[in-house]
Amino acid sequence: MHIGFIGLGVMGLPMALNLARANTPLWVWNRSPDKCETLRAAGAQVASTPAEVCKNAQVIILMLAHEQAMDEALQRGTPAFAGQVSNRTIVHMGTTSPALMKLSVNLFLITMVTGLCEASHFAAQQGLDMELFRSVLDAGPMASSVSQVKLAKLVARDFEVQAAIHDVLKNNQLVAQAARDAQLASPLLDVCHALFAQTAAMGLGQADMVAVVQAMEARTRAL
């Protein structure tokens, strides 16, 4: 059985390489042809079009950044679509709208809680009354059910897990990868990634995400 692989981006290229190095009969295509040369050297057949991949493979793996790219590759909405997918197994491993919605929400959650941790760290280091600080934020227009729960944990130095550092770091990486695939800058997320990675390296991977404040404290001590 021949496998087809369409989309050789940051995630797709190593996946396709693993298949080629395992001597899997493989046809590949990528919008930027230079990405295919590594696969050619590994023994894969390089197609000139996605249609050629579909013609020669029975299982087609798609690792594409968005629905439009998938539609273009399979020619969905055209008479050619049925011929490309008929009697073939299509494995879609890219990110489409529902997943992108979840990633967008996670981006907001990660950056919001990280900002709350930094504000708490700043207030504590300045010697403010932390209960008063909590009351001010909880009563203000920026308060939310998430901020109220997380701020209470910060003030109490309660790092019992609700959302683990390791899990947040994984979600951070997924959002960052989606941003890279779409050629989007993610400056706040990149800073958060560094902080959560540092927190995990401190042995706090199973602690709640607000434990990222300990990475901030470590950076302050290092100044």
N, C-alpha and C. Protein backbone atom coordinates (compact mmCIF):
# COMPACT_ATOMS: atom_id res chain seq x y z
N MET A 1 0.84 -1.20 0.00
CA MET A 1 0.00 0.00 0.00
C MET A 1 0.87 1.25 0.00
N HIS A 2 0.55 2.18 -0.88
CA HIS A 2 1.28 3.44 -0.95
C HIS A 2 0.59 4.49 -0.08
N ILE A 3 1.40 5.26 0.61
CA ILE A 3 0.92 6.34 1.46
C ILE A 3 1.24 7.67 0.77
N GLY A 4 0.30 8.59 0.84
CA GLY A 4 0.53 9.94 0.34
C GLY A 4 0.63 10.91 1.50
N PHE A 5 1.48 11.91 1.38
CA PHE A 5 1.63 12.91 2.44
C PHE A 5 1.64 14.28 1.79
N ILE A 6 0.65 15.09 2.15
CA ILE A 6 0.51 16.44 1.59
C ILE A 6 0.66 17.46 2.71
N GLY A 7 1.70 18.28 2.61
CA GLY A 7 1.95 19.30 3.63
C GLY A 7 3.18 18.96 4.45
N LEU A 8 4.31 19.57 4.11
CA LEU A 8 5.59 19.24 4.76
C LEU A 8 6.11 20.43 5.55
N GLY A 9 5.26 20.93 6.44
CA GLY A 9 5.66 22.03 7.30
C GLY A 9 6.47 21.54 8.49
N VAL A 10 6.47 22.33 9.55
CA VAL A 10 7.28 22.01 10.73
C VAL A 10 6.89 20.66 11.32
N MET A 11 5.60 20.36 11.34
CA MET A 11 5.15 19.08 11.88
C MET A 11 5.12 17.99 10.82
N GLY A 12 4.74 18.35 9.59
CA GLY A 12 4.58 17.36 8.55
C GLY A 12 5.88 16.73 8.08
N LEU A 13 6.93 17.54 7.96
CA LEU A 13 8.20 17.03 7.43
C LEU A 13 8.77 15.89 8.27
N PRO A 14 8.91 16.05 9.59
CA PRO A 14 9.46 14.92 10.37
C PRO A 14 8.56 13.69 10.37
N MET A 15 7.24 13.90 10.31
CA MET A 15 6.33 12.76 10.26
C MET A 15 6.53 11.98 8.96
N ALA A 16 6.62 12.71 7.84
CA ALA A 16 6.82 12.05 6.56
C ALA A 16 8.19 11.38 6.50
N LEU A 17 9.19 12.02 7.08
CA LEU A 17 10.53 11.42 7.11
C LEU A 17 10.54 10.09 7.86
N ASN A 18 9.80 10.04 8.96
CA ASN A 18 9.73 8.79 9.72
C ASN A 18 9.14 7.68 8.86
N LEU A 19 8.12 8.02 8.08
CA LEU A 19 7.52 7.02 7.19
C LEU A 19 8.52 6.57 6.13
N ALA A 20 9.21 7.53 5.52
CA ALA A 20 10.17 7.19 4.47
C ALA A 20 11.32 6.34 5.01
N ARG A 21 11.80 6.69 6.19
CA ARG A 21 12.92 5.95 6.78
C ARG A 21 12.52 4.55 7.23
N ALA A 22 11.21 4.35 7.39
CA ALA A 22 10.70 3.01 7.72
C ALA A 22 10.40 2.22 6.45
N ASN A 23 10.87 2.74 5.31
CA ASN A 23 10.69 2.08 4.01
C ASN A 23 9.22 1.97 3.59
N THR A 24 8.41 2.91 4.04
CA THR A 24 7.02 2.96 3.61
C THR A 24 6.94 3.52 2.20
N PRO A 25 6.27 2.84 1.27
CA PRO A 25 6.10 3.42 -0.07
C PRO A 25 5.35 4.75 0.05
N LEU A 26 6.01 5.83 -0.33
CA LEU A 26 5.50 7.15 0.03
C LEU A 26 5.56 8.11 -1.15
N TRP A 27 4.43 8.82 -1.36
CA TRP A 27 4.36 9.93 -2.30
C TRP A 27 4.13 11.20 -1.50
N VAL A 28 4.87 12.27 -1.83
CA VAL A 28 4.75 13.51 -1.06
C VAL A 28 4.56 14.70 -1.99
N TRP A 29 3.94 15.73 -1.43
CA TRP A 29 3.80 17.01 -2.13
C TRP A 29 3.80 18.13 -1.11
N ASN A 30 4.40 19.25 -1.48
CA ASN A 30 4.38 20.44 -0.64
C ASN A 30 4.33 21.67 -1.54
N ARG A 31 3.65 22.71 -1.06
CA ARG A 31 3.53 23.93 -1.85
C ARG A 31 4.90 24.52 -2.18
N SER A 32 5.82 24.46 -1.21
CA SER A 32 7.20 24.91 -1.45
C SER A 32 8.03 23.67 -1.81
N PRO A 33 8.40 23.50 -3.07
CA PRO A 33 9.03 22.25 -3.52
C PRO A 33 10.34 21.91 -2.81
N ASP A 34 11.07 22.92 -2.33
CA ASP A 34 12.37 22.63 -1.70
C ASP A 34 12.23 21.74 -0.48
N LYS A 35 11.05 21.80 0.18
CA LYS A 35 10.84 20.95 1.36
C LYS A 35 10.81 19.47 0.99
N CYS A 36 10.57 19.18 -0.29
CA CYS A 36 10.44 17.78 -0.72
C CYS A 36 11.78 17.10 -0.92
N GLU A 37 12.85 17.87 -1.05
CA GLU A 37 14.14 17.27 -1.40
C GLU A 37 14.66 16.34 -0.31
N THR A 38 14.41 16.69 0.94
CA THR A 38 14.83 15.81 2.04
C THR A 38 14.10 14.47 1.94
N LEU A 39 12.82 14.53 1.55
CA LEU A 39 12.04 13.30 1.41
C LEU A 39 12.51 12.50 0.20
N ARG A 40 12.85 13.20 -0.89
CA ARG A 40 13.34 12.50 -2.07
C ARG A 40 14.62 11.73 -1.72
N ALA A 41 15.50 12.38 -0.96
CA ALA A 41 16.75 11.74 -0.57
C ALA A 41 16.51 10.53 0.33
N ALA A 42 15.38 10.56 1.05
CA ALA A 42 15.05 9.44 1.94
C ALA A 42 14.30 8.33 1.23
N GLY A 43 14.04 8.52 -0.08
CA GLY A 43 13.42 7.46 -0.85
C GLY A 43 11.98 7.67 -1.25
N ALA A 44 11.40 8.82 -0.88
CA ALA A 44 10.00 9.09 -1.23
C ALA A 44 9.90 9.55 -2.69
N GLN A 45 8.73 9.31 -3.27
CA GLN A 45 8.42 9.84 -4.59
C GLN A 45 7.84 11.24 -4.42
N VAL A 46 8.34 12.20 -5.19
CA VAL A 46 7.88 13.58 -5.08
C VAL A 46 6.91 13.87 -6.22
N ALA A 47 5.69 14.24 -5.85
CA ALA A 47 4.65 14.53 -6.84
C ALA A 47 4.71 16.00 -7.24
N SER A 48 4.27 16.29 -8.44
CA SER A 48 4.24 17.67 -8.90
C SER A 48 2.96 18.38 -8.49
N THR A 49 1.93 17.60 -8.15
CA THR A 49 0.64 18.17 -7.72
C THR A 49 0.03 17.27 -6.65
N PRO A 50 -0.88 17.80 -5.83
CA PRO A 50 -1.61 16.93 -4.90
C PRO A 50 -2.38 15.83 -5.62
N ALA A 51 -2.89 16.15 -6.81
CA ALA A 51 -3.64 15.15 -7.57
C ALA A 51 -2.78 13.94 -7.89
N GLU A 52 -1.49 14.16 -8.14
CA GLU A 52 -0.59 13.04 -8.43
C GLU A 52 -0.40 12.17 -7.20
N VAL A 53 -0.37 12.80 -6.03
CA VAL A 53 -0.30 12.02 -4.79
C VAL A 53 -1.53 11.13 -4.67
N CYS A 54 -2.70 11.73 -4.87
CA CYS A 54 -3.95 10.98 -4.74
C CYS A 54 -4.05 9.85 -5.76
N LYS A 55 -3.51 10.07 -6.93
CA LYS A 55 -3.55 9.06 -7.98
C LYS A 55 -2.73 7.83 -7.61
N ASN A 56 -1.63 8.04 -6.89
CA ASN A 56 -0.68 6.96 -6.65
C ASN A 56 -0.74 6.36 -5.24
N ALA A 57 -1.53 6.95 -4.35
CA ALA A 57 -1.57 6.46 -2.97
C ALA A 57 -2.99 6.09 -2.57
N GLN A 58 -3.08 5.10 -1.70
CA GLN A 58 -4.39 4.66 -1.23
C GLN A 58 -4.79 5.34 0.09
N VAL A 59 -3.80 5.76 0.86
CA VAL A 59 -4.05 6.50 2.10
C VAL A 59 -3.35 7.85 1.97
N ILE A 60 -4.10 8.92 2.16
CA ILE A 60 -3.56 10.27 1.99
C ILE A 60 -3.57 10.98 3.35
N ILE A 61 -2.40 11.38 3.81
CA ILE A 61 -2.28 12.12 5.06
C ILE A 61 -2.15 13.60 4.73
N LEU A 62 -3.03 14.40 5.32
CA LEU A 62 -3.00 15.85 5.12
C LEU A 62 -2.48 16.53 6.38
N MET A 63 -1.43 17.32 6.25
CA MET A 63 -0.94 18.12 7.36
C MET A 63 -0.87 19.56 6.87
N LEU A 64 -2.05 20.18 6.82
CA LEU A 64 -2.19 21.51 6.25
C LEU A 64 -2.69 22.49 7.30
N ALA A 65 -2.37 23.76 7.10
CA ALA A 65 -2.58 24.75 8.15
C ALA A 65 -4.04 25.14 8.36
N HIS A 66 -4.86 25.06 7.30
CA HIS A 66 -6.23 25.53 7.44
C HIS A 66 -7.11 24.88 6.37
N GLU A 67 -8.42 25.12 6.50
CA GLU A 67 -9.38 24.47 5.61
C GLU A 67 -9.20 24.87 4.16
N GLN A 68 -8.85 26.12 3.92
CA GLN A 68 -8.67 26.58 2.54
C GLN A 68 -7.56 25.80 1.85
N ALA A 69 -6.46 25.57 2.57
CA ALA A 69 -5.35 24.81 1.99
C ALA A 69 -5.79 23.37 1.69
N MET A 70 -6.60 22.80 2.58
CA MET A 70 -7.09 21.44 2.37
C MET A 70 -8.02 21.38 1.16
N ASP A 71 -8.91 22.36 1.05
CA ASP A 71 -9.82 22.41 -0.09
C ASP A 71 -9.06 22.53 -1.40
N GLU A 72 -8.02 23.37 -1.41
CA GLU A 72 -7.24 23.56 -2.63
C GLU A 72 -6.49 22.29 -3.00
N ALA A 73 -5.93 21.60 -2.01
CA ALA A 73 -5.16 20.39 -2.29
C ALA A 73 -6.05 19.29 -2.86
N LEU A 74 -7.26 19.15 -2.32
CA LEU A 74 -8.16 18.08 -2.76
C LEU A 74 -9.11 18.54 -3.86
N GLN A 75 -9.04 19.83 -4.20
CA GLN A 75 -9.93 20.43 -5.20
C GLN A 75 -11.40 20.26 -4.82
N ARG A 76 -11.66 20.39 -3.53
CA ARG A 76 -13.03 20.28 -3.06
C ARG A 76 -13.87 21.42 -3.66
N GLY A 77 -15.08 21.08 -4.08
CA GLY A 77 -15.94 22.05 -4.73
C GLY A 77 -15.78 22.08 -6.24
N THR A 78 -14.94 21.18 -6.77
CA THR A 78 -14.75 21.08 -8.22
C THR A 78 -15.09 19.66 -8.66
N PRO A 79 -15.30 19.44 -9.96
CA PRO A 79 -15.59 18.08 -10.45
C PRO A 79 -14.46 17.08 -10.16
N ALA A 80 -13.23 17.58 -9.97
CA ALA A 80 -12.09 16.69 -9.75
C ALA A 80 -12.08 16.09 -8.35
N PHE A 81 -12.84 16.68 -7.42
CA PHE A 81 -12.77 16.26 -6.02
C PHE A 81 -13.11 14.78 -5.84
N ALA A 82 -14.20 14.34 -6.43
CA ALA A 82 -14.65 12.95 -6.25
C ALA A 82 -13.59 11.97 -6.73
N GLY A 83 -12.96 12.27 -7.84
CA GLY A 83 -11.94 11.38 -8.37
C GLY A 83 -10.71 11.29 -7.48
N GLN A 84 -10.40 12.38 -6.78
CA GLN A 84 -9.21 12.38 -5.93
C GLN A 84 -9.42 11.60 -4.63
N VAL A 85 -10.63 11.61 -4.10
CA VAL A 85 -10.84 10.98 -2.79
C VAL A 85 -11.56 9.65 -2.86
N SER A 86 -12.14 9.31 -4.00
CA SER A 86 -12.90 8.07 -4.12
C SER A 86 -12.01 6.85 -3.87
N ASN A 87 -12.49 5.94 -3.01
CA ASN A 87 -11.79 4.69 -2.69
C ASN A 87 -10.43 4.93 -2.04
N ARG A 88 -10.29 6.06 -1.39
CA ARG A 88 -9.06 6.36 -0.67
C ARG A 88 -9.40 6.75 0.77
N THR A 89 -8.46 6.52 1.65
CA THR A 89 -8.62 6.93 3.05
C THR A 89 -7.89 8.25 3.23
N ILE A 90 -8.64 9.28 3.65
CA ILE A 90 -8.06 10.60 3.88
C ILE A 90 -7.88 10.79 5.39
N VAL A 91 -6.65 11.03 5.79
CA VAL A 91 -6.33 11.24 7.21
C VAL A 91 -5.97 12.71 7.39
N HIS A 92 -6.87 13.45 7.99
CA HIS A 92 -6.65 14.89 8.17
C HIS A 92 -6.02 15.14 9.54
N MET A 93 -4.78 15.62 9.56
CA MET A 93 -4.07 15.84 10.81
C MET A 93 -3.76 17.31 11.05
N GLY A 94 -4.27 18.17 10.20
CA GLY A 94 -4.05 19.60 10.37
C GLY A 94 -5.03 20.19 11.35
N THR A 95 -5.05 21.52 11.41
CA THR A 95 -5.92 22.24 12.33
C THR A 95 -7.01 22.95 11.55
N THR A 96 -8.26 22.65 11.88
CA THR A 96 -9.38 23.31 11.22
C THR A 96 -10.15 24.16 12.22
N SER A 97 -11.21 24.78 11.78
CA SER A 97 -11.85 25.84 12.55
C SER A 97 -12.20 25.50 14.00
N PRO A 98 -12.86 24.35 14.30
CA PRO A 98 -13.17 24.08 15.71
C PRO A 98 -11.92 24.00 16.57
N ALA A 99 -10.87 23.35 16.05
CA ALA A 99 -9.63 23.25 16.81
C ALA A 99 -8.99 24.63 16.96
N LEU A 100 -9.04 25.43 15.91
CA LEU A 100 -8.47 26.76 15.99
C LEU A 100 -9.20 27.62 17.01
N MET A 101 -10.50 27.42 17.14
CA MET A 101 -11.26 28.16 18.15
C MET A 101 -10.76 27.81 19.54
N LYS A 102 -10.55 26.52 19.78
CA LYS A 102 -10.04 26.08 21.09
C LYS A 102 -8.65 26.65 21.35
N LEU A 103 -7.79 26.64 20.33
CA LEU A 103 -6.45 27.18 20.50
C LEU A 103 -6.49 28.68 20.79
N SER A 104 -7.42 29.39 20.13
CA SER A 104 -7.54 30.83 20.36
C SER A 104 -7.97 31.11 21.80
N VAL A 105 -8.92 30.31 22.30
CA VAL A 105 -9.36 30.47 23.68
C VAL A 105 -8.22 30.15 24.65
N ASN A 106 -7.46 29.09 24.34
CA ASN A 106 -6.34 28.73 25.20
C ASN A 106 -5.27 29.82 25.22
N LEU A 107 -5.05 30.46 24.07
CA LEU A 107 -4.08 31.55 24.03
C LEU A 107 -4.49 32.67 24.99
N PHE A 108 -5.77 33.02 24.95
CA PHE A 108 -6.25 34.07 25.85
C PHE A 108 -6.10 33.64 27.31
N LEU A 109 -6.47 32.40 27.62
CA LEU A 109 -6.38 31.91 28.99
C LEU A 109 -4.94 31.93 29.50
N ILE A 110 -4.02 31.42 28.68
CA ILE A 110 -2.62 31.33 29.11
C ILE A 110 -2.04 32.72 29.36
N THR A 111 -2.25 33.63 28.42
CA THR A 111 -1.67 34.96 28.57
C THR A 111 -2.35 35.74 29.70
N MET A 112 -3.66 35.53 29.87
CA MET A 112 -4.38 36.23 30.94
C MET A 112 -3.87 35.79 32.31
N VAL A 113 -3.78 34.49 32.54
CA VAL A 113 -3.36 34.00 33.85
C VAL A 113 -1.89 34.34 34.10
N THR A 114 -1.07 34.29 33.06
CA THR A 114 0.34 34.67 33.23
C THR A 114 0.45 36.15 33.61
N GLY A 115 -0.36 36.99 32.97
CA GLY A 115 -0.38 38.41 33.33
C GLY A 115 -0.84 38.63 34.75
N LEU A 116 -1.83 37.86 35.18
CA LEU A 116 -2.31 37.95 36.55
C LEU A 116 -1.21 37.55 37.54
N CYS A 117 -0.46 36.51 37.18
CA CYS A 117 0.65 36.08 38.04
C CYS A 117 1.72 37.16 38.14
N GLU A 118 2.01 37.81 37.02
CA GLU A 118 3.03 38.86 37.06
C GLU A 118 2.55 40.07 37.86
N ALA A 119 1.27 40.42 37.72
CA ALA A 119 0.73 41.52 38.51
C ALA A 119 0.80 41.20 40.00
N SER A 120 0.48 39.96 40.34
CA SER A 120 0.55 39.52 41.74
C SER A 120 1.99 39.56 42.25
N HIS A 121 2.90 39.11 41.41
CA HIS A 121 4.32 39.13 41.78
C HIS A 121 4.79 40.57 42.01
N PHE A 122 4.40 41.47 41.11
CA PHE A 122 4.78 42.88 41.24
C PHE A 122 4.23 43.46 42.54
N ALA A 123 2.95 43.19 42.81
CA ALA A 123 2.32 43.73 44.02
C ALA A 123 3.00 43.20 45.28
N ALA A 124 3.29 41.90 45.29
CA ALA A 124 3.92 41.30 46.47
C ALA A 124 5.32 41.87 46.69
N GLN A 125 6.08 42.01 45.61
CA GLN A 125 7.45 42.52 45.73
C GLN A 125 7.47 43.99 46.15
N GLN A 126 6.40 44.71 45.85
CA GLN A 126 6.31 46.11 46.25
C GLN A 126 5.77 46.27 47.66
N GLY A 127 5.46 45.15 48.31
CA GLY A 127 5.00 45.19 49.69
C GLY A 127 3.55 45.56 49.88
N LEU A 128 2.74 45.42 48.83
CA LEU A 128 1.32 45.75 48.96
C LEU A 128 0.59 44.71 49.80
N ASP A 129 -0.51 45.13 50.39
CA ASP A 129 -1.40 44.21 51.11
C ASP A 129 -2.07 43.32 50.05
N MET A 130 -1.74 42.04 50.04
CA MET A 130 -2.21 41.16 48.97
C MET A 130 -3.71 40.89 49.05
N GLU A 131 -4.26 40.88 50.25
CA GLU A 131 -5.71 40.70 50.36
C GLU A 131 -6.44 41.92 49.81
N LEU A 132 -5.88 43.10 50.06
CA LEU A 132 -6.48 44.32 49.51
C LEU A 132 -6.34 44.33 47.98
N PHE A 133 -5.18 43.92 47.50
CA PHE A 133 -4.95 43.81 46.05
C PHE A 133 -5.98 42.87 45.43
N ARG A 134 -6.20 41.76 46.08
CA ARG A 134 -7.19 40.80 45.59
C ARG A 134 -8.59 41.41 45.57
N SER A 135 -8.94 42.12 46.62
CA SER A 135 -10.27 42.73 46.69
C SER A 135 -10.49 43.76 45.59
N VAL A 136 -9.44 44.55 45.31
CA VAL A 136 -9.55 45.57 44.27
C VAL A 136 -9.76 44.92 42.91
N LEU A 137 -8.96 43.89 42.60
CA LEU A 137 -9.11 43.24 41.30
C LEU A 137 -10.45 42.50 41.19
N ASP A 138 -10.84 41.82 42.26
CA ASP A 138 -12.08 41.05 42.22
C ASP A 138 -13.30 41.94 42.05
N ALA A 139 -13.22 43.19 42.52
CA ALA A 139 -14.36 44.09 42.44
C ALA A 139 -14.38 44.91 41.15
N GLY A 140 -13.31 44.85 40.39
CA GLY A 140 -13.18 45.70 39.21
C GLY A 140 -13.76 45.08 37.95
N PRO A 141 -13.79 45.84 36.87
CA PRO A 141 -14.38 45.38 35.61
C PRO A 141 -13.58 44.29 34.91
N MET A 142 -12.32 44.10 35.31
CA MET A 142 -11.49 43.07 34.67
C MET A 142 -11.66 41.70 35.31
N ALA A 143 -12.41 41.63 36.40
CA ALA A 143 -12.56 40.37 37.13
C ALA A 143 -13.35 39.36 36.31
N SER A 144 -13.01 38.10 36.48
CA SER A 144 -13.74 36.99 35.86
C SER A 144 -13.72 35.83 36.84
N SER A 145 -14.50 34.81 36.55
CA SER A 145 -14.50 33.64 37.43
C SER A 145 -13.12 33.00 37.47
N VAL A 146 -12.42 33.02 36.34
CA VAL A 146 -11.07 32.45 36.29
C VAL A 146 -10.11 33.30 37.11
N SER A 147 -10.12 34.61 36.90
CA SER A 147 -9.18 35.47 37.61
C SER A 147 -9.41 35.42 39.11
N GLN A 148 -10.66 35.33 39.53
CA GLN A 148 -10.96 35.29 40.96
C GLN A 148 -10.43 34.01 41.61
N VAL A 149 -10.60 32.89 40.93
CA VAL A 149 -10.10 31.62 41.46
C VAL A 149 -8.58 31.61 41.49
N LYS A 150 -7.96 32.05 40.40
CA LYS A 150 -6.50 32.00 40.32
C LYS A 150 -5.84 33.02 41.24
N LEU A 151 -6.45 34.18 41.39
CA LEU A 151 -5.88 35.18 42.29
C LEU A 151 -5.94 34.71 43.73
N ALA A 152 -7.04 34.05 44.10
CA ALA A 152 -7.14 33.50 45.46
C ALA A 152 -6.02 32.50 45.71
N LYS A 153 -5.71 31.68 44.72
CA LYS A 153 -4.62 30.72 44.88
C LYS A 153 -3.27 31.42 45.00
N LEU A 154 -3.08 32.47 44.23
CA LEU A 154 -1.82 33.21 44.30
C LEU A 154 -1.62 33.85 45.67
N VAL A 155 -2.65 34.48 46.17
CA VAL A 155 -2.55 35.16 47.47
C VAL A 155 -2.28 34.14 48.57
N ALA A 156 -2.91 32.97 48.46
CA ALA A 156 -2.75 31.93 49.49
C ALA A 156 -1.51 31.07 49.27
N ARG A 157 -0.78 31.31 48.17
CA ARG A 157 0.36 30.46 47.79
C ARG A 157 -0.09 29.00 47.70
N ASP A 158 -1.24 28.83 47.08
CA ASP A 158 -1.84 27.50 46.91
C ASP A 158 -1.57 27.03 45.49
N PHE A 159 -0.68 26.06 45.34
CA PHE A 159 -0.30 25.58 44.01
C PHE A 159 -0.87 24.19 43.72
N GLU A 160 -1.88 23.78 44.52
CA GLU A 160 -2.53 22.51 44.24
C GLU A 160 -3.15 22.57 42.85
N VAL A 161 -2.99 21.49 42.11
CA VAL A 161 -3.26 21.54 40.68
C VAL A 161 -4.75 21.65 40.35
N GLN A 162 -5.04 22.55 39.45
CA GLN A 162 -6.32 22.62 38.72
C GLN A 162 -6.03 22.43 37.23
N ALA A 163 -5.05 23.19 36.75
CA ALA A 163 -4.54 23.03 35.38
C ALA A 163 -3.02 22.96 35.52
N ALA A 164 -2.45 21.79 35.26
CA ALA A 164 -1.03 21.55 35.54
C ALA A 164 -0.12 22.33 34.60
N ILE A 165 1.04 22.71 35.12
CA ILE A 165 2.05 23.41 34.33
C ILE A 165 2.39 22.61 33.07
N HIS A 166 2.58 21.30 33.20
CA HIS A 166 2.92 20.47 32.03
C HIS A 166 1.83 20.56 30.96
N ASP A 167 0.57 20.53 31.38
CA ASP A 167 -0.53 20.58 30.42
C ASP A 167 -0.61 21.95 29.75
N VAL A 168 -0.41 23.00 30.54
CA VAL A 168 -0.43 24.35 29.98
C VAL A 168 0.72 24.53 28.99
N LEU A 169 1.88 23.99 29.34
CA LEU A 169 3.03 24.08 28.44
C LEU A 169 2.74 23.36 27.12
N LYS A 170 2.10 22.20 27.20
CA LYS A 170 1.74 21.46 25.99
C LYS A 170 0.76 22.28 25.14
N ASN A 171 -0.26 22.86 25.77
CA ASN A 171 -1.22 23.68 25.04
C ASN A 171 -0.55 24.91 24.43
N ASN A 172 0.38 25.48 25.19
CA ASN A 172 1.14 26.63 24.68
C ASN A 172 1.88 26.25 23.41
N GLN A 173 2.50 25.08 23.41
CA GLN A 173 3.25 24.62 22.25
C GLN A 173 2.34 24.39 21.05
N LEU A 174 1.13 23.86 21.30
CA LEU A 174 0.18 23.63 20.21
C LEU A 174 -0.26 24.94 19.57
N VAL A 175 -0.54 25.94 20.41
CA VAL A 175 -0.95 27.24 19.87
C VAL A 175 0.21 27.87 19.10
N ALA A 176 1.41 27.79 19.68
CA ALA A 176 2.58 28.38 19.01
C ALA A 176 2.83 27.71 17.67
N GLN A 177 2.65 26.38 17.61
CA GLN A 177 2.87 25.67 16.35
C GLN A 177 1.85 26.10 15.30
N ALA A 178 0.59 26.25 15.72
CA ALA A 178 -0.43 26.71 14.79
C ALA A 178 -0.11 28.12 14.28
N ALA A 179 0.43 28.95 15.17
CA ALA A 179 0.82 30.30 14.75
C ALA A 179 1.96 30.25 13.74
N ARG A 180 2.94 29.39 13.99
CA ARG A 180 4.07 29.28 13.07
C ARG A 180 3.60 28.77 11.71
N ASP A 181 2.72 27.77 11.74
CA ASP A 181 2.23 27.20 10.48
C ASP A 181 1.50 28.24 9.65
N ALA A 182 0.83 29.17 10.33
CA ALA A 182 0.08 30.22 9.63
C ALA A 182 0.93 31.48 9.44
N GLN A 183 2.21 31.41 9.82
CA GLN A 183 3.14 32.54 9.71
C GLN A 183 2.62 33.76 10.48
N LEU A 184 2.19 33.49 11.72
CA LEU A 184 1.70 34.54 12.61
C LEU A 184 2.69 34.77 13.75
N ALA A 185 2.89 36.01 14.11
CA ALA A 185 3.69 36.32 15.30
C ALA A 185 2.86 36.04 16.54
N SER A 186 3.52 35.56 17.60
CA SER A 186 2.82 35.31 18.87
C SER A 186 3.72 35.75 20.02
N PRO A 187 4.02 37.04 20.12
CA PRO A 187 5.02 37.51 21.08
C PRO A 187 4.67 37.23 22.53
N LEU A 188 3.43 37.47 22.94
CA LEU A 188 3.05 37.20 24.33
C LEU A 188 3.12 35.71 24.63
N LEU A 189 2.63 34.91 23.70
CA LEU A 189 2.64 33.47 23.90
C LEU A 189 4.06 32.93 24.01
N ASP A 190 4.97 33.50 23.23
CA ASP A 190 6.36 33.04 23.27
C ASP A 190 7.00 33.31 24.64
N VAL A 191 6.68 34.47 25.22
CA VAL A 191 7.18 34.77 26.56
C VAL A 191 6.57 33.80 27.57
N CYS A 192 5.28 33.53 27.43
CA CYS A 192 4.63 32.57 28.33
C CYS A 192 5.27 31.20 28.22
N HIS A 193 5.58 30.79 27.00
CA HIS A 193 6.20 29.49 26.79
C HIS A 193 7.51 29.39 27.56
N ALA A 194 8.33 30.43 27.48
CA ALA A 194 9.61 30.42 28.19
C ALA A 194 9.40 30.33 29.69
N LEU A 195 8.40 31.04 30.21
CA LEU A 195 8.14 31.03 31.65
C LEU A 195 7.61 29.67 32.12
N PHE A 196 6.69 29.08 31.35
CA PHE A 196 6.14 27.78 31.76
C PHE A 196 7.19 26.68 31.61
N ALA A 197 8.04 26.79 30.59
CA ALA A 197 9.13 25.81 30.45
C ALA A 197 10.10 25.92 31.62
N GLN A 198 10.40 27.14 32.04
CA GLN A 198 11.28 27.34 33.20
C GLN A 198 10.64 26.77 34.46
N THR A 199 9.34 26.99 34.62
CA THR A 199 8.64 26.47 35.80
C THR A 199 8.68 24.94 35.83
N ALA A 200 8.46 24.32 34.67
CA ALA A 200 8.53 22.86 34.59
C ALA A 200 9.94 22.37 34.93
N ALA A 201 10.95 23.09 34.44
CA ALA A 201 12.34 22.70 34.71
C ALA A 201 12.69 22.83 36.19
N MET A 202 11.93 23.63 36.91
CA MET A 202 12.14 23.78 38.36
C MET A 202 11.50 22.64 39.14
N GLY A 203 10.91 21.67 38.43
CA GLY A 203 10.28 20.53 39.09
C GLY A 203 8.84 20.77 39.48
N LEU A 204 8.20 21.76 38.85
CA LEU A 204 6.84 22.13 39.22
C LEU A 204 5.83 21.76 38.13
N GLY A 205 6.17 20.78 37.32
CA GLY A 205 5.30 20.43 36.20
C GLY A 205 3.92 19.97 36.60
N GLN A 206 3.78 19.39 37.79
CA GLN A 206 2.48 18.90 38.25
C GLN A 206 1.75 19.92 39.12
N ALA A 207 2.35 21.08 39.32
CA ALA A 207 1.69 22.13 40.10
C ALA A 207 0.70 22.88 39.23
N ASP A 208 -0.17 23.67 39.86
CA ASP A 208 -1.13 24.46 39.10
C ASP A 208 -0.41 25.52 38.28
N MET A 209 -1.08 25.99 37.24
CA MET A 209 -0.45 26.93 36.32
C MET A 209 -0.02 28.23 37.00
N VAL A 210 -0.65 28.59 38.13
CA VAL A 210 -0.23 29.82 38.81
C VAL A 210 1.16 29.68 39.43
N ALA A 211 1.68 28.45 39.47
CA ALA A 211 3.05 28.25 39.96
C ALA A 211 4.07 28.91 39.04
N VAL A 212 3.63 29.37 37.86
CA VAL A 212 4.54 30.10 36.98
C VAL A 212 5.07 31.35 37.69
N VAL A 213 4.37 31.81 38.72
CA VAL A 213 4.86 32.95 39.50
C VAL A 213 6.21 32.63 40.13
N GLN A 214 6.48 31.35 40.37
CA GLN A 214 7.76 30.98 40.98
C GLN A 214 8.92 31.17 40.00
N ALA A 215 8.65 31.02 38.71
CA ALA A 215 9.69 31.32 37.72
C ALA A 215 9.97 32.82 37.70
N MET A 216 8.92 33.62 37.86
CA MET A 216 9.10 35.07 37.93
C MET A 216 9.90 35.45 39.16
N GLU A 217 9.61 34.81 40.28
CA GLU A 217 10.35 35.08 41.51
C GLU A 217 11.82 34.70 41.36
N ALA A 218 12.06 33.59 40.67
CA ALA A 218 13.45 33.16 40.45
C ALA A 218 14.19 34.18 39.58
N ARG A 219 13.51 34.73 38.60
CA ARG A 219 14.15 35.74 37.75
C ARG A 219 14.44 37.01 38.54
N THR A 220 13.54 37.36 39.45
CA THR A 220 13.77 38.54 40.28
C THR A 220 14.98 38.33 41.18
N ARG A 221 15.09 37.15 41.77
CA ARG A 221 16.24 36.87 42.64
C ARG A 221 17.56 36.90 41.87
N ALA A 222 17.48 36.60 40.58
CA ALA A 222 18.70 36.55 39.77
C ALA A 222 19.17 37.94 39.31
N LEU A 223 18.35 38.96 39.52
CA LEU A 223 18.73 40.31 39.09
C LEU A 223 19.86 40.88 39.94
